[in-house]
């Protein structure tokens, strides 16, 4: 592949947005700001939205554009289904460091998947 092509292609796939438009509190949802670190040492951020009746936690990996603050309607619906939810800001979004690529997306998803079991 040509030099720089991979980064160009990924820039056409991922559209990070740093602007917070709302929080779970705006939807009357209790939440925790979570910071976690995948194996490459980059500090990432997410929200954990517990539910008192939840028997498991759903890892919510949102679409490629926007950020977690654009997904509150979905998170509210999942909460009504009695699911605890963990959603992460991808690298370069809001409080997450680094730059998103397809390769680190998988790395971050694995780290997020393991995080709630460590709580």
PDB file of N, CA and C in Angstrom:
ATOM      1  N   UNK A   1       0.848  -1.182   0.000  1.00  0.00           N
ATOM      2  CA  UNK A   1       0.000   0.000   0.000  1.00  0.00           C
ATOM      3  C   UNK A   1       0.889   1.239   0.000  1.00  0.00           C
ATOM      4  N   UNK A   2       0.445   2.296  -0.625  1.00  0.00           N
ATOM      5  CA  UNK A   2       1.250   3.503  -0.726  1.00  0.00           C
ATOM      6  C   UNK A   2       1.430   4.172   0.637  1.00  0.00           C
ATOM      7  N   UNK A   3       2.523   4.881   0.789  1.00  0.00           N
ATOM      8  CA  UNK A   3       2.820   5.584   2.029  1.00  0.00           C
ATOM      9  C   UNK A   3       1.735   6.627   2.300  1.00  0.00           C
ATOM     10  N   UNK A   4       1.129   6.578   3.450  1.00  0.00           N
ATOM     11  CA  UNK A   4       0.094   7.535   3.809  1.00  0.00           C
ATOM     12  C   UNK A   4      -1.307   7.140   3.391  1.00  0.00           C
ATOM     13  N   UNK A   5      -1.438   6.129   2.543  1.00  0.00           N
ATOM     14  CA  UNK A   5      -2.767   5.726   2.077  1.00  0.00           C
ATOM     15  C   UNK A   5      -3.630   5.191   3.213  1.00  0.00           C
ATOM     16  N   UNK A   6      -3.012   4.389   4.092  1.00  0.00           N
ATOM     17  CA  UNK A   6      -3.778   3.813   5.190  1.00  0.00           C
ATOM     18  C   UNK A   6      -4.365   4.917   6.069  1.00  0.00           C
ATOM     19  N   UNK A   7      -3.566   5.931   6.396  1.00  0.00           N
ATOM     20  CA  UNK A   7      -4.057   7.040   7.233  1.00  0.00           C
ATOM     21  C   UNK A   7      -5.151   7.814   6.502  1.00  0.00           C
ATOM     22  N   UNK A   8      -4.990   8.019   5.192  1.00  0.00           N
ATOM     23  CA  UNK A   8      -6.013   8.720   4.420  1.00  0.00           C
ATOM     24  C   UNK A   8      -7.324   7.946   4.432  1.00  0.00           C
ATOM     25  N   UNK A   9      -7.236   6.630   4.213  1.00  0.00           N
ATOM     26  CA  UNK A   9      -8.445   5.800   4.198  1.00  0.00           C
ATOM     27  C   UNK A   9      -9.136   5.863   5.554  1.00  0.00           C
ATOM     28  N   UNK A  10      -8.356   5.745   6.641  1.00  0.00           N
ATOM     29  CA  UNK A  10      -8.952   5.795   7.975  1.00  0.00           C
ATOM     30  C   UNK A  10      -9.537   7.163   8.282  1.00  0.00           C
ATOM     31  N   UNK A  11      -8.960   8.233   7.731  1.00  0.00           N
ATOM     32  CA  UNK A  11      -9.522   9.568   7.955  1.00  0.00           C
ATOM     33  C   UNK A  11     -10.880   9.715   7.268  1.00  0.00           C
ATOM     34  N   UNK A  12     -11.145   8.856   6.283  1.00  0.00           N
ATOM     35  CA  UNK A  12     -12.438   8.872   5.601  1.00  0.00           C
ATOM     36  C   UNK A  12     -13.460   7.977   6.302  1.00  0.00           C
ATOM     37  N   UNK A  13     -12.997   7.161   7.264  1.00  0.00           N
ATOM     38  CA  UNK A  13     -13.869   6.243   7.989  1.00  0.00           C
ATOM     39  C   UNK A  13     -14.263   6.799   9.347  1.00  0.00           C
ATOM     40  N   UNK A  14     -13.298   7.351  10.086  1.00  0.00           N
ATOM     41  CA  UNK A  14     -13.534   7.819  11.448  1.00  0.00           C
ATOM     42  C   UNK A  14     -13.663   9.339  11.467  1.00  0.00           C
ATOM     43  N   UNK A  15     -14.712   9.815  12.118  1.00  0.00           N
ATOM     44  CA  UNK A  15     -14.972  11.248  12.221  1.00  0.00           C
ATOM     45  C   UNK A  15     -15.158  11.634  13.687  1.00  0.00           C
ATOM     46  N   UNK A  16     -14.072  11.697  14.460  1.00  0.00           N
ATOM     47  CA  UNK A  16     -14.211  11.991  15.880  1.00  0.00           C
ATOM     48  C   UNK A  16     -14.729  13.413  16.117  1.00  0.00           C
ATOM     49  N   UNK A  17     -15.488  13.561  17.179  1.00  0.00           N
ATOM     50  CA  UNK A  17     -16.068  14.849  17.553  1.00  0.00           C
ATOM     51  C   UNK A  17     -15.776  15.062  19.028  1.00  0.00           C
ATOM     52  N   UNK A  18     -15.135  16.160  19.386  1.00  0.00           N
ATOM     53  CA  UNK A  18     -14.757  16.434  20.765  1.00  0.00           C
ATOM     54  C   UNK A  18     -15.826  17.188  21.555  1.00  0.00           C
ATOM     55  N   UNK A  19     -16.899  17.619  20.913  1.00  0.00           N
ATOM     56  CA  UNK A  19     -17.897  18.465  21.570  1.00  0.00           C
ATOM     57  C   UNK A  19     -18.928  17.609  22.314  1.00  0.00           C
ATOM     58  N   UNK A  20     -19.049  17.857  23.611  1.00  0.00           N
ATOM     59  CA  UNK A  20     -20.039  17.180  24.442  1.00  0.00           C
ATOM     60  C   UNK A  20     -21.369  17.908  24.291  1.00  0.00           C
ATOM     61  N   UNK A  21     -22.403  17.219  23.837  1.00  0.00           N
ATOM     62  CA  UNK A  21     -23.702  17.857  23.655  1.00  0.00           C
ATOM     63  C   UNK A  21     -24.661  17.567  24.808  1.00  0.00           C
ATOM     64  N   UNK A  22     -24.429  16.469  25.525  1.00  0.00           N
ATOM     65  CA  UNK A  22     -25.262  16.115  26.670  1.00  0.00           C
ATOM     66  C   UNK A  22     -24.578  14.989  27.437  1.00  0.00           C
ATOM     67  N   UNK A  23     -25.066  14.730  28.630  1.00  0.00           N
ATOM     68  CA  UNK A  23     -24.552  13.616  29.427  1.00  0.00           C
ATOM     69  C   UNK A  23     -25.727  12.726  29.816  1.00  0.00           C
ATOM     70  N   UNK A  24     -25.461  11.541  30.345  1.00  0.00           N
ATOM     71  CA  UNK A  24     -26.566  10.701  30.812  1.00  0.00           C
ATOM     72  C   UNK A  24     -27.435  11.401  31.866  1.00  0.00           C
ATOM     73  N   UNK A  25     -26.844  12.289  32.632  1.00  0.00           N
ATOM     74  CA  UNK A  25     -27.616  13.040  33.640  1.00  0.00           C
ATOM     75  C   UNK A  25     -28.773  13.803  32.986  1.00  0.00           C
ATOM     76  N   UNK A  26     -28.561  14.309  31.777  1.00  0.00           N
ATOM     77  CA  UNK A  26     -29.613  15.024  31.049  1.00  0.00           C
ATOM     78  C   UNK A  26     -30.794  14.118  30.716  1.00  0.00           C
ATOM     79  N   UNK A  27     -30.574  12.809  30.766  1.00  0.00           N
ATOM     80  CA  UNK A  27     -31.617  11.814  30.488  1.00  0.00           C
ATOM     81  C   UNK A  27     -32.023  11.085  31.775  1.00  0.00           C
ATOM     82  N   UNK A  28     -31.683  11.676  32.916  1.00  0.00           N
ATOM     83  CA  UNK A  28     -31.985  11.086  34.229  1.00  0.00           C
ATOM     84  C   UNK A  28     -31.370   9.700  34.410  1.00  0.00           C
ATOM     85  N   UNK A  29     -30.173   9.513  33.870  1.00  0.00           N
ATOM     86  CA  UNK A  29     -29.452   8.254  34.015  1.00  0.00           C
ATOM     87  C   UNK A  29     -28.267   8.459  34.954  1.00  0.00           C
ATOM     88  N   UNK A  30     -28.113   7.570  35.894  1.00  0.00           N
ATOM     89  CA  UNK A  30     -26.940   7.565  36.760  1.00  0.00           C
ATOM     90  C   UNK A  30     -25.786   7.009  35.936  1.00  0.00           C
ATOM     91  N   UNK A  31     -24.606   7.595  36.075  1.00  0.00           N
ATOM     92  CA  UNK A  31     -23.463   7.106  35.311  1.00  0.00           C
ATOM     93  C   UNK A  31     -22.167   7.392  36.037  1.00  0.00           C
ATOM     94  N   UNK A  32     -21.130   6.693  35.601  1.00  0.00           N
ATOM     95  CA  UNK A  32     -19.781   6.914  36.112  1.00  0.00           C
ATOM     96  C   UNK A  32     -18.874   7.264  34.936  1.00  0.00           C
ATOM     97  N   UNK A  33     -18.037   8.280  35.134  1.00  0.00           N
ATOM     98  CA  UNK A  33     -16.958   8.529  34.181  1.00  0.00           C
ATOM     99  C   UNK A  33     -15.896   7.470  34.438  1.00  0.00           C
ATOM    100  N   UNK A  34     -15.526   6.750  33.416  1.00  0.00           N
ATOM    101  CA  UNK A  34     -14.558   5.668  33.541  1.00  0.00           C
ATOM    102  C   UNK A  34     -13.332   6.003  32.693  1.00  0.00           C
ATOM    103  N   UNK A  35     -12.173   5.789  33.275  1.00  0.00           N
ATOM    104  CA  UNK A  35     -10.926   5.906  32.526  1.00  0.00           C
ATOM    105  C   UNK A  35     -10.242   4.547  32.578  1.00  0.00           C
ATOM    106  N   UNK A  36      -9.767   4.086  31.443  1.00  0.00           N
ATOM    107  CA  UNK A  36      -9.102   2.789  31.376  1.00  0.00           C
ATOM    108  C   UNK A  36      -7.981   2.865  30.354  1.00  0.00           C
ATOM    109  N   UNK A  37      -7.076   1.907  30.437  1.00  0.00           N
ATOM    110  CA  UNK A  37      -5.877   1.949  29.599  1.00  0.00           C
ATOM    111  C   UNK A  37      -5.696   0.604  28.899  1.00  0.00           C
ATOM    112  N   UNK A  38      -5.780   0.590  27.567  1.00  0.00           N
ATOM    113  CA  UNK A  38      -5.484  -0.640  26.837  1.00  0.00           C
ATOM    114  C   UNK A  38      -3.985  -0.956  26.910  1.00  0.00           C
ATOM    115  N   UNK A  39      -3.608  -2.080  26.364  1.00  0.00           N
ATOM    116  CA  UNK A  39      -2.235  -2.563  26.534  1.00  0.00           C
ATOM    117  C   UNK A  39      -1.161  -1.663  25.947  1.00  0.00           C
ATOM    118  N   UNK A  40      -1.511  -0.738  25.048  1.00  0.00           N
ATOM    119  CA  UNK A  40      -0.492   0.164  24.507  1.00  0.00           C
ATOM    120  C   UNK A  40      -0.330   1.433  25.337  1.00  0.00           C
ATOM    121  N   UNK A  41      -1.074   1.556  26.463  1.00  0.00           N
ATOM    122  CA  UNK A  41      -0.856   2.639  27.413  1.00  0.00           C
ATOM    123  C   UNK A  41      -1.570   3.945  27.150  1.00  0.00           C
ATOM    124  N   UNK A  42      -2.460   4.009  26.187  1.00  0.00           N
ATOM    125  CA  UNK A  42      -3.193   5.239  25.889  1.00  0.00           C
ATOM    126  C   UNK A  42      -4.397   5.337  26.828  1.00  0.00           C
ATOM    127  N   UNK A  43      -4.603   6.485  27.429  1.00  0.00           N
ATOM    128  CA  UNK A  43      -5.708   6.681  28.381  1.00  0.00           C
ATOM    129  C   UNK A  43      -7.009   6.941  27.620  1.00  0.00           C
ATOM    130  N   UNK A  44      -8.018   6.110  27.900  1.00  0.00           N
ATOM    131  CA  UNK A  44      -9.316   6.228  27.232  1.00  0.00           C
ATOM    132  C   UNK A  44     -10.406   6.516  28.246  1.00  0.00           C
ATOM    133  N   UNK A  45     -11.492   7.052  27.762  1.00  0.00           N
ATOM    134  CA  UNK A  45     -12.615   7.457  28.601  1.00  0.00           C
ATOM    135  C   UNK A  45     -13.904   6.808  28.122  1.00  0.00           C
ATOM    136  N   UNK A  46     -14.783   6.559  29.038  1.00  0.00           N
ATOM    137  CA  UNK A  46     -16.116   6.065  28.695  1.00  0.00           C
ATOM    138  C   UNK A  46     -17.088   6.355  29.822  1.00  0.00           C
ATOM    139  N   UNK A  47     -18.328   5.993  29.589  1.00  0.00           N
ATOM    140  CA  UNK A  47     -19.374   6.098  30.614  1.00  0.00           C
ATOM    141  C   UNK A  47     -19.871   4.702  30.934  1.00  0.00           C
ATOM    142  N   UNK A  48     -20.000   4.426  32.208  1.00  0.00           N
ATOM    143  CA  UNK A  48     -20.647   3.203  32.665  1.00  0.00           C
ATOM    144  C   UNK A  48     -21.997   3.610  33.236  1.00  0.00           C
ATOM    145  N   UNK A  49     -23.067   3.049  32.682  1.00  0.00           N
ATOM    146  CA  UNK A  49     -24.431   3.346  33.123  1.00  0.00           C
ATOM    147  C   UNK A  49     -24.989   2.075  33.750  1.00  0.00           C
ATOM    148  N   UNK A  50     -24.977   2.008  35.075  1.00  0.00           N
ATOM    149  CA  UNK A  50     -25.463   0.796  35.743  1.00  0.00           C
ATOM    150  C   UNK A  50     -26.981   0.716  35.719  1.00  0.00           C
ATOM    151  N   UNK A  51     -27.478  -0.457  35.937  1.00  0.00           N
ATOM    152  CA  UNK A  51     -28.913  -0.656  36.147  1.00  0.00           C
ATOM    153  C   UNK A  51     -29.053  -1.626  37.311  1.00  0.00           C
ATOM    154  N   UNK A  52     -29.903  -1.306  38.296  1.00  0.00           N
ATOM    155  CA  UNK A  52     -29.992  -2.161  39.491  1.00  0.00           C
ATOM    156  C   UNK A  52     -30.447  -3.588  39.200  1.00  0.00           C
ATOM    157  N   UNK A  53     -31.149  -3.815  38.119  1.00  0.00           N
ATOM    158  CA  UNK A  53     -31.631  -5.155  37.792  1.00  0.00           C
ATOM    159  C   UNK A  53     -30.789  -5.849  36.722  1.00  0.00           C
ATOM    160  N   UNK A  54     -29.739  -5.209  36.285  1.00  0.00           N
ATOM    161  CA  UNK A  54     -28.927  -5.767  35.196  1.00  0.00           C
ATOM    162  C   UNK A  54     -28.238  -7.049  35.623  1.00  0.00           C
ATOM    163  N   UNK A  55     -28.285  -8.024  34.746  1.00  0.00           N
ATOM    164  CA  UNK A  55     -27.572  -9.278  34.973  1.00  0.00           C
ATOM    165  C   UNK A  55     -26.269  -9.324  34.177  1.00  0.00           C
ATOM    166  N   UNK A  56     -26.103  -8.337  33.309  1.00  0.00           N
ATOM    167  CA  UNK A  56     -24.882  -8.247  32.520  1.00  0.00           C
ATOM    168  C   UNK A  56     -24.696  -6.806  32.070  1.00  0.00           C
ATOM    169  N   UNK A  57     -23.545  -6.548  31.470  1.00  0.00           N
ATOM    170  CA  UNK A  57     -23.236  -5.215  30.950  1.00  0.00           C
ATOM    171  C   UNK A  57     -23.030  -5.313  29.452  1.00  0.00           C
ATOM    172  N   UNK A  58     -23.685  -4.440  28.721  1.00  0.00           N
ATOM    173  CA  UNK A  58     -23.550  -4.368  27.272  1.00  0.00           C
ATOM    174  C   UNK A  58     -22.446  -3.377  26.929  1.00  0.00           C
ATOM    175  N   UNK A  59     -21.492  -3.785  26.119  1.00  0.00           N
ATOM    176  CA  UNK A  59     -20.479  -2.872  25.605  1.00  0.00           C
ATOM    177  C   UNK A  59     -21.049  -2.244  24.339  1.00  0.00           C
ATOM    178  N   UNK A  60     -21.233  -0.938  24.359  1.00  0.00           N
ATOM    179  CA  UNK A  60     -21.818  -0.204  23.241  1.00  0.00           C
ATOM    180  C   UNK A  60     -20.687   0.456  22.452  1.00  0.00           C
ATOM    181  N   UNK A  61     -20.464  -0.029  21.247  1.00  0.00           N
ATOM    182  CA  UNK A  61     -19.487   0.563  20.339  1.00  0.00           C
ATOM    183  C   UNK A  61     -20.270   1.329  19.273  1.00  0.00           C
ATOM    184  N   UNK A  62     -20.278   2.642  19.426  1.00  0.00           N
ATOM    185  CA  UNK A  62     -21.114   3.467  18.550  1.00  0.00           C
ATOM    186  C   UNK A  62     -20.525   3.613  17.159  1.00  0.00           C
ATOM    187  N   UNK A  63     -21.265   4.271  16.308  1.00  0.00           N
ATOM    188  CA  UNK A  63     -20.849   4.453  14.917  1.00  0.00           C
ATOM    189  C   UNK A  63     -19.550   5.240  14.848  1.00  0.00           C
ATOM    190  N   UNK A  64     -19.067   5.450  13.649  1.00  0.00           N
ATOM    191  CA  UNK A  64     -17.755   6.044  13.442  1.00  0.00           C
ATOM    192  C   UNK A  64     -17.718   7.563  13.567  1.00  0.00           C
ATOM    193  N   UNK A  65     -18.846   8.224  13.598  1.00  0.00           N
ATOM    194  CA  UNK A  65     -18.868   9.687  13.692  1.00  0.00           C
ATOM    195  C   UNK A  65     -19.473  10.101  15.022  1.00  0.00           C
ATOM    196  N   UNK A  66     -19.206  11.334  15.416  1.00  0.00           N
ATOM    197  CA  UNK A  66     -19.748  11.835  16.670  1.00  0.00           C
ATOM    198  C   UNK A  66     -18.987  11.290  17.857  1.00  0.00           C
ATOM    199  N   UNK A  67     -19.654  11.271  19.001  1.00  0.00           N
ATOM    200  CA  UNK A  67     -19.057  10.721  20.215  1.00  0.00           C
ATOM    201  C   UNK A  67     -20.164  10.178  21.110  1.00  0.00           C
ATOM    202  N   UNK A  68     -19.812   9.767  22.305  1.00  0.00           N
ATOM    203  CA  UNK A  68     -20.783   9.104  23.174  1.00  0.00           C
ATOM    204  C   UNK A  68     -21.942  10.016  23.560  1.00  0.00           C
ATOM    205  N   UNK A  69     -21.722  11.317  23.554  1.00  0.00           N
ATOM    206  CA  UNK A  69     -22.809  12.227  23.934  1.00  0.00           C
ATOM    207  C   UNK A  69     -23.915  12.288  22.888  1.00  0.00           C
ATOM    208  N   UNK A  70     -23.661  11.749  21.711  1.00  0.00           N
ATOM    209  CA  UNK A  70     -24.674  11.701  20.654  1.00  0.00           C
ATOM    210  C   UNK A  70     -25.497  10.412  20.698  1.00  0.00           C
ATOM    211  N   UNK A  71     -25.250   9.571  21.700  1.00  0.00           N
ATOM    212  CA  UNK A  71     -25.890   8.253  21.755  1.00  0.00           C
ATOM    213  C   UNK A  71     -26.817   8.088  22.956  1.00  0.00           C
ATOM    214  N   UNK A  72     -27.213   9.191  23.563  1.00  0.00           N
ATOM    215  CA  UNK A  72     -28.004   9.102  24.792  1.00  0.00           C
ATOM    216  C   UNK A  72     -29.392   8.520  24.587  1.00  0.00           C
ATOM    217  N   UNK A  73     -30.013   8.740  23.467  1.00  0.00           N
ATOM    218  CA  UNK A  73     -31.322   8.133  23.226  1.00  0.00           C
ATOM    219  C   UNK A  73     -31.189   6.608  23.230  1.00  0.00           C
ATOM    220  N   UNK A  74     -30.172   6.102  22.550  1.00  0.00           N
ATOM    221  CA  UNK A  74     -29.933   4.657  22.539  1.00  0.00           C
ATOM    222  C   UNK A  74     -29.636   4.135  23.948  1.00  0.00           C
ATOM    223  N   UNK A  75     -28.813   4.850  24.685  1.00  0.00           N
ATOM    224  CA  UNK A  75     -28.461   4.422  26.038  1.00  0.00           C
ATOM    225  C   UNK A  75     -29.685   4.414  26.951  1.00  0.00           C
ATOM    226  N   UNK A  76     -30.561   5.374  26.771  1.00  0.00           N
ATOM    227  CA  UNK A  76     -31.792   5.420  27.555  1.00  0.00           C
ATOM    228  C   UNK A  76     -32.688   4.220  27.238  1.00  0.00           C
ATOM    229  N   UNK A  77     -32.792   3.878  25.962  1.00  0.00           N
ATOM    230  CA  UNK A  77     -33.589   2.704  25.569  1.00  0.00           C
ATOM    231  C   UNK A  77     -33.014   1.415  26.151  1.00  0.00           C
ATOM    232  N   UNK A  78     -31.702   1.277  26.124  1.00  0.00           N
ATOM    233  CA  UNK A  78     -31.060   0.097  26.696  1.00  0.00           C
ATOM    234  C   UNK A  78     -31.274   0.028  28.209  1.00  0.00           C
ATOM    235  N   UNK A  79     -31.261   1.186  28.846  1.00  0.00           N
ATOM    236  CA  UNK A  79     -31.494   1.234  30.293  1.00  0.00           C
ATOM    237  C   UNK A  79     -32.919   0.778  30.613  1.00  0.00           C
ATOM    238  N   UNK A  80     -33.872   1.186  29.795  1.00  0.00           N
ATOM    239  CA  UNK A  80     -35.261   0.745  30.005  1.00  0.00           C
ATOM    240  C   UNK A  80     -35.413  -0.761  29.823  1.00  0.00           C
ATOM    241  N   UNK A  81     -34.484  -1.357  29.095  1.00  0.00           N
ATOM    242  CA  UNK A  81     -34.468  -2.819  28.932  1.00  0.00           C
ATOM    243  C   UNK A  81     -33.716  -3.509  30.076  1.00  0.00           C
ATOM    244  N   UNK A  82     -33.375  -2.729  31.088  1.00  0.00           N
ATOM    245  CA  UNK A  82     -32.699  -3.207  32.300  1.00  0.00           C
ATOM    246  C   UNK A  82     -31.287  -3.723  32.035  1.00  0.00           C
ATOM    247  N   UNK A  83     -30.610  -3.058  31.112  1.00  0.00           N
ATOM    248  CA  UNK A  83     -29.222  -3.394  30.804  1.00  0.00           C
ATOM    249  C   UNK A  83     -28.284  -2.343  31.383  1.00  0.00           C
ATOM    250  N   UNK A  84     -27.202  -2.785  31.979  1.00  0.00           N
ATOM    251  CA  UNK A  84     -26.106  -1.875  32.291  1.00  0.00           C
ATOM    252  C   UNK A  84     -25.338  -1.689  30.981  1.00  0.00           C
ATOM    253  N   UNK A  85     -24.789  -0.505  30.792  1.00  0.00           N
ATOM    254  CA  UNK A  85     -24.126  -0.202  29.524  1.00  0.00           C
ATOM    255  C   UNK A  85     -22.779   0.459  29.773  1.00  0.00           C
ATOM    256  N   UNK A  86     -21.801   0.079  28.975  1.00  0.00           N
ATOM    257  CA  UNK A  86     -20.492   0.722  28.983  1.00  0.00           C
ATOM    258  C   UNK A  86     -20.219   1.197  27.566  1.00  0.00           C
ATOM    259  N   UNK A  87     -20.047   2.493  27.407  1.00  0.00           N
ATOM    260  CA  UNK A  87     -19.790   3.091  26.092  1.00  0.00           C
ATOM    261  C   UNK A  87     -18.497   3.883  26.180  1.00  0.00           C
ATOM    262  N   UNK A  88     -17.666   3.781  25.153  1.00  0.00           N
ATOM    263  CA  UNK A  88     -16.385   4.466  25.215  1.00  0.00           C
ATOM    264  C   UNK A  88     -16.255   5.539  24.157  1.00  0.00           C
ATOM    265  N   UNK A  89     -15.495   6.572  24.538  1.00  0.00           N
ATOM    266  CA  UNK A  89     -15.051   7.569  23.564  1.00  0.00           C
ATOM    267  C   UNK A  89     -13.885   6.952  22.815  1.00  0.00           C
ATOM    268  N   UNK A  90     -13.959   6.948  21.515  1.00  0.00           N
ATOM    269  CA  UNK A  90     -12.835   6.446  20.738  1.00  0.00           C
ATOM    270  C   UNK A  90     -11.655   7.403  20.876  1.00  0.00           C
ATOM    271  N   UNK A  91     -10.489   6.933  20.524  1.00  0.00           N
ATOM    272  CA  UNK A  91      -9.301   7.788  20.588  1.00  0.00           C
ATOM    273  C   UNK A  91      -9.543   9.071  19.796  1.00  0.00           C
ATOM    274  N   UNK A  92      -9.087  10.169  20.373  1.00  0.00           N
ATOM    275  CA  UNK A  92      -9.251  11.474  19.737  1.00  0.00           C
ATOM    276  C   UNK A  92     -10.594  12.120  20.010  1.00  0.00           C
ATOM    277  N   UNK A  93     -11.477  11.430  20.710  1.00  0.00           N
ATOM    278  CA  UNK A  93     -12.779  11.998  21.053  1.00  0.00           C
ATOM    279  C   UNK A  93     -12.757  12.452  22.508  1.00  0.00           C
ATOM    280  N   UNK A  94     -13.216  13.642  22.734  1.00  0.00           N
ATOM    281  CA  UNK A  94     -13.375  14.210  24.072  1.00  0.00           C
ATOM    282  C   UNK A  94     -12.216  13.902  25.012  1.00  0.00           C
ATOM    283  N   UNK A  95     -12.404  13.029  25.985  1.00  0.00           N
ATOM    284  CA  UNK A  95     -11.397  12.791  27.020  1.00  0.00           C
ATOM    285  C   UNK A  95     -10.459  11.623  26.704  1.00  0.00           C
ATOM    286  N   UNK A  96     -10.601  11.013  25.552  1.00  0.00           N
ATOM    287  CA  UNK A  96      -9.722   9.911  25.165  1.00  0.00           C
ATOM    288  C   UNK A  96      -8.531  10.440  24.383  1.00  0.00           C
ATOM    289  N   UNK A  97      -7.363   9.954  24.746  1.00  0.00           N
ATOM    290  CA  UNK A  97      -6.139  10.378  24.088  1.00  0.00           C
ATOM    291  C   UNK A  97      -5.936   9.614  22.780  1.00  0.00           C
ATOM    292  N   UNK A  98      -4.945  10.040  22.016  1.00  0.00           N
ATOM    293  CA  UNK A  98      -4.515   9.305  20.840  1.00  0.00           C
ATOM    294  C   UNK A  98      -5.321   9.576  19.585  1.00  0.00           C
ATOM    295  N   UNK A  99      -5.040   8.785  18.579  1.00  0.00           N
ATOM    296  CA  UNK A  99      -5.715   8.870  17.284  1.00  0.00           C
ATOM    297  C   UNK A  99      -6.295   7.513  16.942  1.00  0.00           C
ATOM    298  N   UNK A 100      -7.513   7.522  16.449  1.00  0.00           N
ATOM    299  CA  UNK A 100      -8.212   6.283  16.116  1.00  0.00           C
ATOM    300  C   UNK A 100      -7.731   5.740  14.772  1.00  0.00           C
ATOM    301  N   UNK A 101      -7.520   4.446  14.754  1.00  0.00           N
ATOM    302  CA  UNK A 101      -7.268   3.702  13.518  1.00  0.00           C
ATOM    303  C   UNK A 101      -8.040   2.394  13.653  1.00  0.00           C
ATOM    304  N   UNK A 102      -8.164   1.680  12.581  1.00  0.00           N
ATOM    305  CA  UNK A 102      -8.861   0.400  12.674  1.00  0.00           C
ATOM    306  C   UNK A 102      -8.136  -0.543  13.632  1.00  0.00           C
ATOM    307  N   UNK A 103      -6.825  -0.561  13.556  1.00  0.00           N
ATOM    308  CA  UNK A 103      -6.038  -1.455  14.408  1.00  0.00           C
ATOM    309  C   UNK A 103      -6.271  -1.159  15.895  1.00  0.00           C
ATOM    310  N   UNK A 104      -6.198   0.105  16.299  1.00  0.00           N
ATOM    311  CA  UNK A 104      -6.373   0.420  17.723  1.00  0.00           C
ATOM    312  C   UNK A 104      -7.837   0.349  18.145  1.00  0.00           C
ATOM    313  N   UNK A 105      -8.758   0.464  17.200  1.00  0.00           N
ATOM    314  CA  UNK A 105     -10.175   0.279  17.522  1.00  0.00           C
ATOM    315  C   UNK A 105     -10.385  -1.088  18.165  1.00  0.00           C
ATOM    316  N   UNK A 106      -9.799  -2.125  17.577  1.00  0.00           N
ATOM    317  CA  UNK A 106      -9.942  -3.479  18.111  1.00  0.00           C
ATOM    318  C   UNK A 106      -9.239  -3.612  19.473  1.00  0.00           C
ATOM    319  N   UNK A 107      -8.088  -3.009  19.597  1.00  0.00           N
ATOM    320  CA  UNK A 107      -7.352  -3.020  20.855  1.00  0.00           C
ATOM    321  C   UNK A 107      -8.185  -2.365  21.961  1.00  0.00           C
ATOM    322  N   UNK A 108      -8.771  -1.215  21.650  1.00  0.00           N
ATOM    323  CA  UNK A 108      -9.575  -0.479  22.626  1.00  0.00           C
ATOM    324  C   UNK A 108     -10.854  -1.229  22.985  1.00  0.00           C
ATOM    325  N   UNK A 109     -11.466  -1.849  21.990  1.00  0.00           N
ATOM    326  CA  UNK A 109     -12.691  -2.613  22.245  1.00  0.00           C
ATOM    327  C   UNK A 109     -12.410  -3.779  23.186  1.00  0.00           C
ATOM    328  N   UNK A 110     -11.283  -4.465  22.987  1.00  0.00           N
ATOM    329  CA  UNK A 110     -10.917  -5.559  23.897  1.00  0.00           C
ATOM    330  C   UNK A 110     -10.701  -5.052  25.316  1.00  0.00           C
ATOM    331  N   UNK A 111     -10.020  -3.920  25.460  1.00  0.00           N
ATOM    332  CA  UNK A 111      -9.782  -3.355  26.788  1.00  0.00           C
ATOM    333  C   UNK A 111     -11.097  -2.939  27.440  1.00  0.00           C
ATOM    334  N   UNK A 112     -11.996  -2.356  26.672  1.00  0.00           N
ATOM    335  CA  UNK A 112     -13.303  -1.954  27.210  1.00  0.00           C
ATOM    336  C   UNK A 112     -14.131  -3.172  27.588  1.00  0.00           C
ATOM    337  N   UNK A 113     -14.049  -4.203  26.792  1.00  0.00           N
ATOM    338  CA  UNK A 113     -14.785  -5.431  27.070  1.00  0.00           C
ATOM    339  C   UNK A 113     -14.357  -6.046  28.409  1.00  0.00           C
ATOM    340  N   UNK A 114     -13.098  -5.949  28.710  1.00  0.00           N
ATOM    341  CA  UNK A 114     -12.572  -6.498  29.959  1.00  0.00           C
ATOM    342  C   UNK A 114     -12.777  -5.583  31.158  1.00  0.00           C
ATOM    343  N   UNK A 115     -13.008  -4.296  30.927  1.00  0.00           N
ATOM    344  CA  UNK A 115     -13.074  -3.353  32.044  1.00  0.00           C
ATOM    345  C   UNK A 115     -14.206  -3.649  33.048  1.00  0.00           C
ATOM    346  N   UNK A 116     -15.462  -3.801  32.612  1.00  0.00           N
ATOM    347  CA  UNK A 116     -16.517  -4.009  33.617  1.00  0.00           C
ATOM    348  C   UNK A 116     -16.289  -5.231  34.500  1.00  0.00           C
ATOM    349  N   UNK A 117     -15.621  -6.247  34.000  1.00  0.00           N
ATOM    350  CA  UNK A 117     -15.372  -7.430  34.823  1.00  0.00           C
ATOM    351  C   UNK A 117     -14.342  -7.134  35.905  1.00  0.00           C
ATOM    352  N   UNK A 118     -13.621  -6.034  35.752  1.00  0.00           N
ATOM    353  CA  UNK A 118     -12.633  -5.642  36.754  1.00  0.00           C
ATOM    354  C   UNK A 118     -13.238  -4.751  37.837  1.00  0.00           C
ATOM    355  N   UNK A 119     -14.464  -4.309  37.651  1.00  0.00           N
ATOM    356  CA  UNK A 119     -15.130  -3.421  38.625  1.00  0.00           C
ATOM    357  C   UNK A 119     -15.435  -4.169  39.898  1.00  0.00           C
TER     358      UNK A 119
END
